[in-house]
Amino acid sequence: MSQTQFFESPQGRRIAYHKSGSKGPTVVFLGGLKSDMEGTKAVHLEAWAHKRDQCFLRFDYSGHGESSGTFEEGCIGDWHQDTLAAVDALTTGPLIVVGSSMGGWQALLLARAIPDRITGMVTIAAAPDFTEDSYWAGFSDAEKQALDTVGFVELPSDYMEPYIITRRMIQDGRENLVLRSPLALPFPVRMLQGTEDTAVETSVALRLLDHAEGEDIRLTLVKGADHRFSDEDCLNLIEKSVEKVMKRG
């Protein structure tokens, strides 16, 4: 497999990445909140791409994995800047974007920023606008007050140590919402969602499907799959979904 490399973004962040393959379009994997590019789905897709000599890029947002910074310093807008910087510096030509959880939100922001370069998209438990619709909406009055007075709150996670959610993350999230205004996805899109996902509920996938505008958008619900979406069947479904949007794009 490819070796970790680094580049410096226009914002001065040191971004770690793996890039491989020579055949376009480039498949870009966008990971979830507090995930890194060594996750099961990212590595599995890289192996799939390697067999095809398909161009493939995975990277760590700032404050994640091997990239510079700390998670608590970051926010949705920063990670969008990292995504744009990685795509601009490390890829050319058409893109197939694969976004997992928060990476699904990042994929939608990328589609809004550079729609002409994207020829297909696959989302996995996409979590658009979660800072507002999940975090802020679920905060108690005491937690909202803590954001103002302390500057952060801790939220438990089913998958890792607690998340530190800062006032900046909430405020910045409001500047990057995608479900409050028209969302054009003028390319093939396949949305994947597990019915047993406790981090991103099925209702989020249905809302995104209803809101997005495009002629070739499909949602697949997988009964019993959880947020990890990483068993053999789910990984195969991700592969097939990427192949389908690539053929139709």
Protein backbone atom coordinates (compact mmCIF):
# COMPACT_ATOMS: atom_id res chain seq x y z
CA MET A 1 0.00 0.00 0.00
CA SER A 2 0.98 3.64 -0.32
CA GLN A 3 3.15 5.48 2.21
CA THR A 4 2.02 8.44 4.31
CA GLN A 5 2.97 11.76 2.78
CA PHE A 6 2.35 15.34 3.88
CA PHE A 7 1.57 18.70 2.34
CA GLU A 8 1.00 22.13 3.83
CA SER A 9 -2.39 23.69 3.21
CA PRO A 10 -2.85 27.39 2.39
CA GLN A 11 -3.90 27.81 6.04
CA GLY A 12 -0.54 26.43 7.22
CA ARG A 13 -1.82 23.03 8.36
CA ARG A 14 0.30 19.92 7.79
CA ILE A 15 -2.06 17.40 6.19
CA ALA A 16 -1.22 13.69 6.07
CA TYR A 17 -2.39 11.67 3.09
CA HIS A 18 -2.07 8.50 1.05
CA LYS A 19 -2.34 8.72 -2.72
CA SER A 20 -2.12 5.88 -5.22
CA GLY A 21 -3.11 4.72 -8.70
CA SER A 22 -2.90 6.20 -12.17
CA LYS A 23 -6.36 5.73 -13.74
CA GLY A 24 -8.99 8.42 -13.38
CA PRO A 25 -11.37 9.43 -12.05
CA THR A 26 -9.87 9.89 -8.58
CA VAL A 27 -11.80 8.32 -5.72
CA VAL A 28 -11.53 10.59 -2.67
CA PHE A 29 -12.45 9.17 0.74
CA LEU A 30 -13.68 11.64 3.39
CA GLY A 31 -13.72 10.21 6.89
CA GLY A 32 -15.93 10.88 9.87
CA LEU A 33 -15.61 12.99 12.99
CA LYS A 34 -12.55 11.93 15.00
CA SER A 35 -11.90 9.12 12.53
CA ASP A 36 -8.67 8.87 10.57
CA MET A 37 -7.54 7.60 7.20
CA GLU A 38 -6.56 4.23 8.68
CA GLY A 39 -10.21 3.29 9.22
CA THR A 40 -11.60 0.04 7.82
CA LYS A 41 -13.63 1.63 5.02
CA ALA A 42 -10.81 3.89 3.81
CA VAL A 43 -8.21 1.12 3.77
CA HIS A 44 -10.62 -1.34 2.16
CA LEU A 45 -11.42 1.10 -0.64
CA GLU A 46 -7.74 1.79 -1.18
CA ALA A 47 -7.14 -1.96 -1.65
CA TRP A 48 -10.06 -2.11 -4.09
CA ALA A 49 -8.64 0.85 -6.01
CA HIS A 50 -5.15 -0.66 -6.03
CA LYS A 51 -6.40 -3.76 -7.85
CA ARG A 52 -7.83 -1.50 -10.58
CA ASP A 53 -4.91 0.96 -10.61
CA GLN A 54 -7.63 3.50 -9.82
CA CYS A 55 -6.50 6.89 -8.54
CA PHE A 56 -7.34 7.03 -4.85
CA LEU A 57 -6.84 9.61 -2.12
CA ARG A 58 -7.42 9.36 1.61
CA PHE A 59 -6.22 11.96 4.11
CA ASP A 60 -6.53 13.15 7.69
CA TYR A 61 -8.30 16.41 8.45
CA SER A 62 -6.34 18.72 10.74
CA GLY A 63 -6.67 17.56 14.35
CA HIS A 64 -7.19 13.99 13.14
CA GLY A 65 -4.76 11.11 12.71
CA GLU A 66 -1.30 12.15 11.57
CA SER A 67 -2.18 15.69 10.51
CA SER A 68 -1.22 18.73 12.56
CA GLY A 69 -3.40 20.38 15.20
CA THR A 70 -5.79 19.06 17.82
CA PHE A 71 -9.40 17.99 17.39
CA GLU A 72 -10.62 20.60 19.88
CA GLU A 73 -9.17 23.41 17.74
CA GLY A 74 -11.10 22.37 14.64
CA CYS A 75 -14.56 22.81 13.17
CA ILE A 76 -16.56 21.92 10.07
CA GLY A 77 -15.29 24.93 8.12
CA ASP A 78 -11.64 24.11 8.89
CA TRP A 79 -12.10 20.54 7.68
CA HIS A 80 -13.84 21.82 4.56
CA GLN A 81 -10.77 23.98 3.91
CA ASP A 82 -8.57 20.89 4.41
CA THR A 83 -10.70 18.93 1.94
CA LEU A 84 -10.55 21.66 -0.69
CA ALA A 85 -6.79 22.00 -0.17
CA ALA A 86 -6.20 18.25 -0.52
CA VAL A 87 -8.30 17.99 -3.66
CA ASP A 88 -6.66 21.06 -5.20
CA ALA A 89 -3.09 20.06 -4.36
CA LEU A 90 -3.25 16.31 -4.89
CA THR A 91 -5.79 15.57 -7.64
CA THR A 92 -6.60 16.54 -11.20
CA GLY A 93 -9.62 15.84 -13.33
CA PRO A 94 -12.93 14.20 -12.33
CA LEU A 95 -13.64 13.05 -8.79
CA ILE A 96 -15.74 10.31 -7.21
CA VAL A 97 -16.32 11.44 -3.62
CA VAL A 98 -17.03 8.91 -0.86
CA GLY A 99 -18.07 10.49 2.45
CA SER A 100 -18.66 8.66 5.72
CA SER A 101 -20.70 10.26 8.54
CA MET A 102 -19.26 13.78 8.99
CA GLY A 103 -17.41 13.04 5.75
CA GLY A 104 -20.83 12.90 4.11
CA TRP A 105 -21.38 16.51 5.16
CA GLN A 106 -17.93 17.34 3.83
CA ALA A 107 -18.81 15.65 0.53
CA LEU A 108 -21.90 17.82 0.21
CA LEU A 109 -19.89 20.96 0.98
CA LEU A 110 -17.39 19.91 -1.67
CA ALA A 111 -20.22 19.45 -4.17
CA ARG A 112 -21.36 22.98 -3.41
CA ALA A 113 -17.83 24.35 -3.83
CA ILE A 114 -16.61 22.49 -6.94
CA PRO A 115 -19.62 20.82 -8.61
CA ASP A 116 -17.97 20.75 -12.04
CA ARG A 117 -15.24 18.38 -10.87
CA ILE A 118 -17.46 15.78 -9.20
CA THR A 119 -18.86 13.03 -11.41
CA GLY A 120 -20.26 10.77 -8.68
CA MET A 121 -20.81 10.54 -4.94
CA VAL A 122 -21.35 7.80 -2.37
CA THR A 123 -22.34 8.68 1.19
CA ILE A 124 -22.29 6.30 4.15
CA ALA A 125 -24.44 7.33 7.10
CA ALA A 126 -24.08 10.94 5.98
CA ALA A 127 -24.48 13.41 8.84
CA PRO A 128 -25.16 16.84 7.33
CA ASP A 129 -25.84 19.71 9.76
CA PHE A 130 -25.32 17.49 12.82
CA THR A 131 -23.77 20.26 14.89
CA GLU A 132 -27.11 22.08 14.76
CA ASP A 133 -29.70 19.31 14.42
CA SER A 134 -28.12 16.76 16.74
CA TYR A 135 -25.69 18.50 19.09
CA TRP A 136 -27.29 21.91 19.62
CA ALA A 137 -30.85 20.60 19.43
CA GLY A 138 -30.03 17.94 22.01
CA PHE A 139 -28.17 20.15 24.48
CA SER A 140 -29.78 20.82 27.82
CA ASP A 141 -30.04 24.39 29.09
CA ALA A 142 -27.06 23.65 31.34
CA GLU A 143 -24.96 22.45 28.40
CA LYS A 144 -25.87 25.50 26.34
CA GLN A 145 -24.86 27.70 29.26
CA ALA A 146 -21.57 25.77 29.57
CA LEU A 147 -20.80 26.55 25.94
CA ASP A 148 -21.09 30.26 26.74
CA THR A 149 -19.24 30.19 30.06
CA VAL A 150 -16.67 27.38 29.69
CA GLY A 151 -16.52 27.26 25.90
CA PHE A 152 -17.11 23.54 25.47
CA VAL A 153 -19.11 20.51 26.57
CA GLU A 154 -18.20 16.82 26.66
CA LEU A 155 -20.45 14.35 24.85
CA PRO A 156 -20.18 10.56 25.33
CA SER A 157 -19.53 8.37 22.30
CA ASP A 158 -20.52 4.77 21.64
CA TYR A 159 -17.33 4.28 19.63
CA MET A 160 -14.47 6.13 21.37
CA GLU A 161 -13.61 8.59 24.16
CA PRO A 162 -15.99 11.52 24.73
CA TYR A 163 -16.18 14.28 22.14
CA ILE A 164 -15.18 17.79 23.19
CA ILE A 165 -17.71 20.04 21.44
CA THR A 166 -16.65 23.68 21.43
CA ARG A 167 -18.62 26.87 21.04
CA ARG A 168 -16.65 27.53 17.85
CA MET A 169 -17.72 24.19 16.36
CA ILE A 170 -21.39 25.02 16.93
CA GLN A 171 -21.09 28.56 15.63
CA ASP A 172 -19.03 27.55 12.61
CA GLY A 173 -21.42 24.70 11.84
CA ARG A 174 -24.16 27.27 11.34
CA GLU A 175 -22.08 28.85 8.59
CA ASN A 176 -21.86 25.53 6.72
CA LEU A 177 -25.38 24.09 6.88
CA VAL A 178 -26.52 22.33 3.69
CA LEU A 179 -30.11 21.34 4.49
CA ARG A 180 -31.46 24.92 4.81
CA SER A 181 -30.92 25.99 1.22
CA PRO A 182 -31.05 24.32 -2.22
CA LEU A 183 -28.60 21.44 -2.55
CA ALA A 184 -27.85 20.53 -6.16
CA LEU A 185 -26.21 17.15 -6.78
CA PRO A 186 -26.11 17.00 -10.61
CA PHE A 187 -24.31 13.64 -10.80
CA PRO A 188 -25.04 10.03 -9.73
CA VAL A 189 -25.39 9.73 -5.95
CA ARG A 190 -25.74 6.57 -3.87
CA MET A 191 -26.61 7.05 -0.20
CA LEU A 192 -26.05 4.09 2.16
CA GLN A 193 -27.56 3.88 5.64
CA GLY A 194 -27.82 1.19 8.33
CA THR A 195 -31.15 0.81 10.12
CA GLU A 196 -29.42 0.12 13.47
CA ASP A 197 -27.24 3.22 13.32
CA THR A 198 -27.52 4.95 16.71
CA ALA A 199 -25.22 7.85 15.77
CA VAL A 200 -27.05 8.94 12.60
CA GLU A 201 -30.70 7.96 12.48
CA THR A 202 -32.44 6.78 9.32
CA SER A 203 -34.55 9.93 9.40
CA VAL A 204 -31.43 11.96 8.53
CA ALA A 205 -30.88 9.90 5.38
CA LEU A 206 -34.53 10.32 4.39
CA ARG A 207 -34.35 14.06 4.97
CA LEU A 208 -31.22 14.34 2.83
CA LEU A 209 -32.80 12.25 0.07
CA ASP A 210 -35.88 14.47 0.07
CA HIS A 211 -33.88 17.70 0.16
CA ALA A 212 -31.19 17.01 -2.45
CA GLU A 213 -31.87 17.97 -6.05
CA GLY A 214 -30.66 15.64 -8.79
CA GLU A 215 -31.81 13.20 -11.44
CA ASP A 216 -29.91 10.13 -10.21
CA ILE A 217 -30.04 9.93 -6.42
CA ARG A 218 -30.79 6.67 -4.62
CA LEU A 219 -30.87 5.65 -0.96
CA THR A 220 -30.17 2.08 0.16
CA LEU A 221 -31.15 1.05 3.69
CA VAL A 222 -29.32 -1.96 5.11
CA LYS A 223 -31.35 -3.71 7.79
CA GLY A 224 -29.32 -4.38 10.92
CA ALA A 225 -26.22 -2.40 9.91
CA ASP A 226 -24.82 0.03 12.50
CA HIS A 227 -22.82 3.25 12.16
CA ARG A 228 -19.55 1.46 11.46
CA PHE A 229 -21.00 -0.02 8.24
CA SER A 230 -17.83 -2.10 7.99
CA ASP A 231 -18.76 -5.78 7.88
CA GLU A 232 -18.03 -7.74 4.71
CA ASP A 233 -21.45 -7.18 3.15
CA CYS A 234 -21.37 -3.44 3.83
CA LEU A 235 -17.85 -3.06 2.45
CA ASN A 236 -18.88 -4.92 -0.69
CA LEU A 237 -21.91 -2.65 -1.03
CA ILE A 238 -19.67 0.42 -0.80
CA GLU A 239 -17.45 -0.99 -3.56
CA LYS A 240 -20.41 -1.73 -5.81
CA SER A 241 -21.88 1.70 -5.18
CA VAL A 242 -18.64 3.40 -6.20
CA GLU A 243 -18.50 1.26 -9.33
CA LYS A 244 -22.09 2.14 -10.22
CA VAL A 245 -21.67 5.91 -9.93
CA MET A 246 -18.41 5.67 -11.83
CA LYS A 247 -20.12 3.91 -14.74
CA ARG A 248 -23.06 6.33 -14.76
CA GLY A 249 -21.06 9.51 -14.30
